[in-house]
């Protein structure tokens, strides 16, 4: 499985991982809605299970992805400060978006 993140997202995710709430947890990308050809995504702090793959990104952040969810392979995590601050998660290989 593959996962990319932009520089802004890497900075925000590193801050999340340094918080007290992250003790022993990792960043997980998960599907909030599946529309067949595309999905909507979100992130949370979580611990890996036997169904997960831990993917190391080019920004040296490990992301937990559920191997059973094909729409997670190839996700791209971006963080933008404008027009409003927040994550934008897409999978360019399968379709569309977000948080």
N, C-alpha and C. Protein backbone atom coordinates (compact mmCIF):
# COMPACT_ATOMS: atom_id res chain seq x y z
N UNK A 1 0.84 -1.18 0.00
CA UNK A 1 0.00 0.00 0.00
C UNK A 1 0.89 1.24 0.00
N UNK A 2 0.32 2.33 -0.50
CA UNK A 2 1.07 3.58 -0.61
C UNK A 2 0.28 4.71 0.04
N UNK A 3 1.04 5.72 0.50
CA UNK A 3 0.45 6.91 1.09
C UNK A 3 1.43 8.06 0.93
N UNK A 4 0.92 9.21 0.49
CA UNK A 4 1.74 10.41 0.37
C UNK A 4 1.18 11.48 1.29
N UNK A 5 2.06 12.36 1.76
CA UNK A 5 1.61 13.51 2.54
C UNK A 5 2.38 14.75 2.10
N UNK A 6 1.73 15.91 2.17
CA UNK A 6 2.45 17.13 1.85
C UNK A 6 3.17 17.66 3.09
N UNK A 7 4.01 18.64 2.91
CA UNK A 7 4.84 19.17 4.00
C UNK A 7 3.99 19.72 5.14
N UNK A 8 2.93 20.45 4.81
CA UNK A 8 2.06 21.00 5.86
C UNK A 8 1.44 19.88 6.69
N UNK A 9 0.96 18.84 6.01
CA UNK A 9 0.35 17.71 6.72
C UNK A 9 1.37 17.03 7.61
N UNK A 10 2.60 16.89 7.12
CA UNK A 10 3.65 16.26 7.92
C UNK A 10 3.87 17.02 9.22
N UNK A 11 3.90 18.34 9.14
CA UNK A 11 4.10 19.15 10.35
C UNK A 11 2.95 18.98 11.34
N UNK A 12 1.72 19.00 10.84
CA UNK A 12 0.55 18.84 11.71
C UNK A 12 0.52 17.44 12.32
N UNK A 13 0.80 16.42 11.50
CA UNK A 13 0.79 15.04 12.00
C UNK A 13 1.89 14.81 13.03
N UNK A 14 3.06 15.39 12.83
CA UNK A 14 4.14 15.27 13.82
C UNK A 14 3.72 15.89 15.14
N UNK A 15 3.02 17.01 15.09
CA UNK A 15 2.51 17.63 16.32
C UNK A 15 1.49 16.73 17.00
N UNK A 16 0.62 16.11 16.21
CA UNK A 16 -0.37 15.18 16.77
C UNK A 16 0.35 14.02 17.47
N UNK A 17 1.41 13.51 16.85
CA UNK A 17 2.12 12.37 17.39
C UNK A 17 2.94 12.72 18.64
N UNK A 18 3.20 14.00 18.85
CA UNK A 18 3.95 14.41 20.03
C UNK A 18 3.04 14.78 21.21
N UNK A 19 1.73 14.70 21.02
CA UNK A 19 0.78 15.04 22.09
C UNK A 19 0.66 13.90 23.10
N UNK A 20 0.13 14.23 24.27
CA UNK A 20 -0.10 13.21 25.31
C UNK A 20 -1.07 12.14 24.84
N UNK A 21 -2.08 12.52 24.05
CA UNK A 21 -3.10 11.59 23.58
C UNK A 21 -2.54 10.53 22.64
N UNK A 22 -1.37 10.79 22.08
CA UNK A 22 -0.82 9.86 21.08
C UNK A 22 0.01 8.74 21.69
N UNK A 23 0.15 8.70 22.98
CA UNK A 23 1.02 7.73 23.64
C UNK A 23 0.75 6.31 23.14
N UNK A 24 1.71 5.74 22.41
CA UNK A 24 1.58 4.38 21.89
C UNK A 24 0.70 4.25 20.67
N UNK A 25 0.24 5.37 20.10
CA UNK A 25 -0.66 5.32 18.95
C UNK A 25 0.03 5.85 17.70
N UNK A 26 -0.60 5.60 16.58
CA UNK A 26 -0.10 6.04 15.28
C UNK A 26 -1.23 6.76 14.54
N UNK A 27 -0.88 7.38 13.43
CA UNK A 27 -1.87 8.05 12.58
C UNK A 27 -2.54 6.99 11.70
N UNK A 28 -3.86 6.95 11.76
CA UNK A 28 -4.64 6.05 10.91
C UNK A 28 -5.47 6.88 9.94
N UNK A 29 -5.45 6.49 8.66
CA UNK A 29 -6.39 7.03 7.67
C UNK A 29 -7.48 5.98 7.52
N UNK A 30 -8.73 6.44 7.59
CA UNK A 30 -9.85 5.51 7.46
C UNK A 30 -10.92 6.10 6.58
N UNK A 31 -11.81 5.24 6.11
CA UNK A 31 -12.89 5.65 5.22
C UNK A 31 -14.13 5.97 6.05
N UNK A 32 -14.67 7.17 5.84
CA UNK A 32 -15.90 7.55 6.53
C UNK A 32 -17.14 7.23 5.71
N UNK A 33 -17.00 7.31 4.37
CA UNK A 33 -18.09 6.96 3.46
C UNK A 33 -17.50 6.34 2.22
N UNK A 34 -18.08 5.24 1.78
CA UNK A 34 -17.62 4.55 0.59
C UNK A 34 -18.72 4.64 -0.46
N UNK A 35 -18.37 5.20 -1.61
CA UNK A 35 -19.35 5.37 -2.69
C UNK A 35 -19.06 4.43 -3.86
N UNK A 36 -18.38 3.33 -3.59
CA UNK A 36 -18.08 2.36 -4.63
C UNK A 36 -16.80 2.70 -5.38
N UNK A 37 -16.84 3.78 -6.18
CA UNK A 37 -15.67 4.18 -6.96
C UNK A 37 -14.78 5.15 -6.21
N UNK A 38 -15.32 5.83 -5.23
CA UNK A 38 -14.52 6.76 -4.45
C UNK A 38 -15.01 6.76 -3.00
N UNK A 39 -14.21 7.40 -2.15
CA UNK A 39 -14.52 7.39 -0.72
C UNK A 39 -14.21 8.75 -0.11
N UNK A 40 -14.71 8.95 1.08
CA UNK A 40 -14.37 10.11 1.90
C UNK A 40 -13.52 9.59 3.05
N UNK A 41 -12.49 10.34 3.41
CA UNK A 41 -11.49 9.87 4.35
C UNK A 41 -11.38 10.79 5.56
N UNK A 42 -10.79 10.26 6.62
CA UNK A 42 -10.49 11.05 7.80
C UNK A 42 -9.26 10.43 8.46
N UNK A 43 -8.73 11.09 9.47
CA UNK A 43 -7.59 10.56 10.21
C UNK A 43 -7.91 10.55 11.70
N UNK A 44 -7.20 9.68 12.42
CA UNK A 44 -7.32 9.63 13.87
C UNK A 44 -6.07 8.95 14.43
N UNK A 45 -5.87 9.10 15.72
CA UNK A 45 -4.82 8.37 16.41
C UNK A 45 -5.38 7.01 16.78
N UNK A 46 -4.62 5.94 16.52
CA UNK A 46 -5.13 4.60 16.76
C UNK A 46 -3.95 3.64 16.87
N UNK A 47 -4.24 2.42 17.29
CA UNK A 47 -3.22 1.38 17.33
C UNK A 47 -3.48 0.37 16.21
N UNK A 48 -2.43 -0.14 15.59
CA UNK A 48 -2.60 -1.09 14.49
C UNK A 48 -3.20 -2.42 14.96
N UNK A 49 -3.88 -3.09 14.04
CA UNK A 49 -4.43 -4.42 14.28
C UNK A 49 -3.83 -5.37 13.26
N UNK A 50 -4.24 -6.63 13.30
CA UNK A 50 -3.72 -7.63 12.36
C UNK A 50 -4.17 -7.36 10.92
N UNK A 51 -5.16 -6.51 10.72
CA UNK A 51 -5.66 -6.21 9.38
C UNK A 51 -4.97 -5.00 8.75
N UNK A 52 -4.01 -4.43 9.46
CA UNK A 52 -3.40 -3.18 9.02
C UNK A 52 -2.04 -3.37 8.40
N UNK A 53 -1.69 -2.40 7.57
CA UNK A 53 -0.34 -2.27 7.06
C UNK A 53 0.18 -0.91 7.51
N UNK A 54 1.40 -0.89 7.99
CA UNK A 54 2.03 0.37 8.40
C UNK A 54 2.89 0.84 7.23
N UNK A 55 2.53 2.01 6.71
CA UNK A 55 3.19 2.54 5.52
C UNK A 55 4.05 3.73 5.92
N UNK A 56 5.32 3.68 5.58
CA UNK A 56 6.22 4.79 5.86
C UNK A 56 6.18 5.76 4.69
N UNK A 57 5.96 7.03 4.99
CA UNK A 57 5.88 8.05 3.94
C UNK A 57 7.26 8.65 3.69
N UNK A 58 7.35 9.46 2.64
CA UNK A 58 8.61 10.13 2.34
C UNK A 58 8.94 11.24 3.34
N UNK A 59 8.01 11.54 4.23
CA UNK A 59 8.24 12.54 5.29
C UNK A 59 8.56 11.86 6.62
N UNK A 60 8.89 10.56 6.59
CA UNK A 60 9.26 9.78 7.78
C UNK A 60 8.15 9.71 8.82
N UNK A 61 6.92 9.66 8.37
CA UNK A 61 5.78 9.45 9.25
C UNK A 61 5.13 8.14 8.83
N UNK A 62 4.85 7.29 9.80
CA UNK A 62 4.20 6.02 9.51
C UNK A 62 2.69 6.19 9.62
N UNK A 63 1.99 5.67 8.62
CA UNK A 63 0.53 5.77 8.54
C UNK A 63 -0.05 4.36 8.57
N UNK A 64 -1.10 4.16 9.36
CA UNK A 64 -1.78 2.88 9.46
C UNK A 64 -2.92 2.85 8.45
N UNK A 65 -2.92 1.82 7.59
CA UNK A 65 -3.98 1.62 6.60
C UNK A 65 -4.52 0.20 6.72
N UNK A 66 -5.84 0.05 6.65
CA UNK A 66 -6.48 -1.26 6.70
C UNK A 66 -6.31 -1.94 5.35
N UNK A 67 -5.61 -3.07 5.32
CA UNK A 67 -5.33 -3.80 4.07
C UNK A 67 -6.60 -4.27 3.37
N UNK A 68 -7.70 -4.39 4.10
CA UNK A 68 -8.94 -4.88 3.50
C UNK A 68 -9.66 -3.81 2.69
N UNK A 69 -9.23 -2.56 2.80
CA UNK A 69 -9.88 -1.44 2.11
C UNK A 69 -9.04 -0.99 0.92
N UNK A 70 -9.41 -1.44 -0.27
CA UNK A 70 -8.64 -1.11 -1.48
C UNK A 70 -8.58 0.39 -1.75
N UNK A 71 -9.61 1.14 -1.35
CA UNK A 71 -9.63 2.58 -1.60
C UNK A 71 -8.64 3.35 -0.73
N UNK A 72 -7.99 2.68 0.22
CA UNK A 72 -6.97 3.35 1.03
C UNK A 72 -5.60 3.33 0.34
N UNK A 73 -5.40 2.40 -0.58
CA UNK A 73 -4.11 2.28 -1.25
C UNK A 73 -3.92 3.46 -2.19
N UNK A 74 -2.93 4.29 -1.89
CA UNK A 74 -2.65 5.46 -2.73
C UNK A 74 -3.19 6.76 -2.19
N UNK A 75 -3.66 6.79 -0.93
CA UNK A 75 -4.21 8.03 -0.39
C UNK A 75 -3.13 9.11 -0.31
N UNK A 76 -3.60 10.35 -0.44
CA UNK A 76 -2.72 11.52 -0.38
C UNK A 76 -3.29 12.44 0.68
N UNK A 77 -2.50 12.65 1.75
CA UNK A 77 -2.92 13.50 2.87
C UNK A 77 -2.30 14.87 2.68
N UNK A 78 -3.17 15.88 2.58
CA UNK A 78 -2.71 17.25 2.43
C UNK A 78 -3.31 18.09 3.55
N UNK A 79 -2.60 19.13 3.93
CA UNK A 79 -3.13 20.07 4.91
C UNK A 79 -2.98 21.46 4.31
N UNK A 80 -4.08 22.23 4.35
CA UNK A 80 -4.08 23.58 3.81
C UNK A 80 -4.47 24.56 4.91
N UNK A 81 -3.91 25.75 4.83
CA UNK A 81 -4.22 26.81 5.80
C UNK A 81 -5.26 27.78 5.27
N UNK A 82 -5.46 27.82 3.95
CA UNK A 82 -6.47 28.68 3.35
C UNK A 82 -7.23 27.89 2.29
N UNK A 83 -8.47 28.10 2.00
CA UNK A 83 -9.31 29.15 2.56
C UNK A 83 -9.67 28.91 4.03
N UNK A 84 -9.65 27.65 4.46
CA UNK A 84 -9.79 27.38 5.89
C UNK A 84 -8.83 26.26 6.24
N UNK A 85 -8.41 26.25 7.49
CA UNK A 85 -7.43 25.28 7.94
C UNK A 85 -8.03 23.89 8.04
N UNK A 86 -7.33 22.89 7.50
CA UNK A 86 -7.80 21.53 7.63
C UNK A 86 -7.14 20.56 6.68
N UNK A 87 -7.40 19.29 6.93
CA UNK A 87 -6.88 18.22 6.09
C UNK A 87 -7.77 18.05 4.86
N UNK A 88 -7.14 17.67 3.76
CA UNK A 88 -7.84 17.30 2.54
C UNK A 88 -7.21 15.98 2.11
N UNK A 89 -7.96 14.90 2.17
CA UNK A 89 -7.44 13.57 1.89
C UNK A 89 -8.11 13.03 0.64
N UNK A 90 -7.28 12.66 -0.34
CA UNK A 90 -7.79 12.15 -1.61
C UNK A 90 -7.08 10.86 -1.96
N UNK A 91 -7.62 10.20 -2.97
CA UNK A 91 -6.93 9.06 -3.55
C UNK A 91 -6.96 9.27 -5.06
N UNK A 92 -5.92 9.89 -5.61
CA UNK A 92 -5.91 10.20 -7.04
C UNK A 92 -6.07 8.98 -7.94
N UNK A 93 -5.69 7.81 -7.48
CA UNK A 93 -5.78 6.62 -8.32
C UNK A 93 -7.19 6.06 -8.42
N UNK A 94 -8.08 6.45 -7.50
CA UNK A 94 -9.42 5.87 -7.53
C UNK A 94 -10.54 6.90 -7.64
N UNK A 95 -10.26 8.13 -7.38
CA UNK A 95 -11.35 9.09 -7.45
C UNK A 95 -11.15 10.27 -6.55
N UNK A 96 -11.99 10.44 -5.59
CA UNK A 96 -12.21 11.71 -4.92
C UNK A 96 -12.07 11.59 -3.43
N UNK A 97 -12.28 12.25 -2.60
CA UNK A 97 -11.92 13.05 -1.48
C UNK A 97 -12.09 12.75 -0.02
N UNK A 98 -12.15 13.32 0.95
CA UNK A 98 -11.81 14.42 1.79
C UNK A 98 -11.98 14.28 3.27
N UNK A 99 -11.70 15.33 3.90
CA UNK A 99 -12.18 15.64 5.26
C UNK A 99 -12.54 17.07 5.24
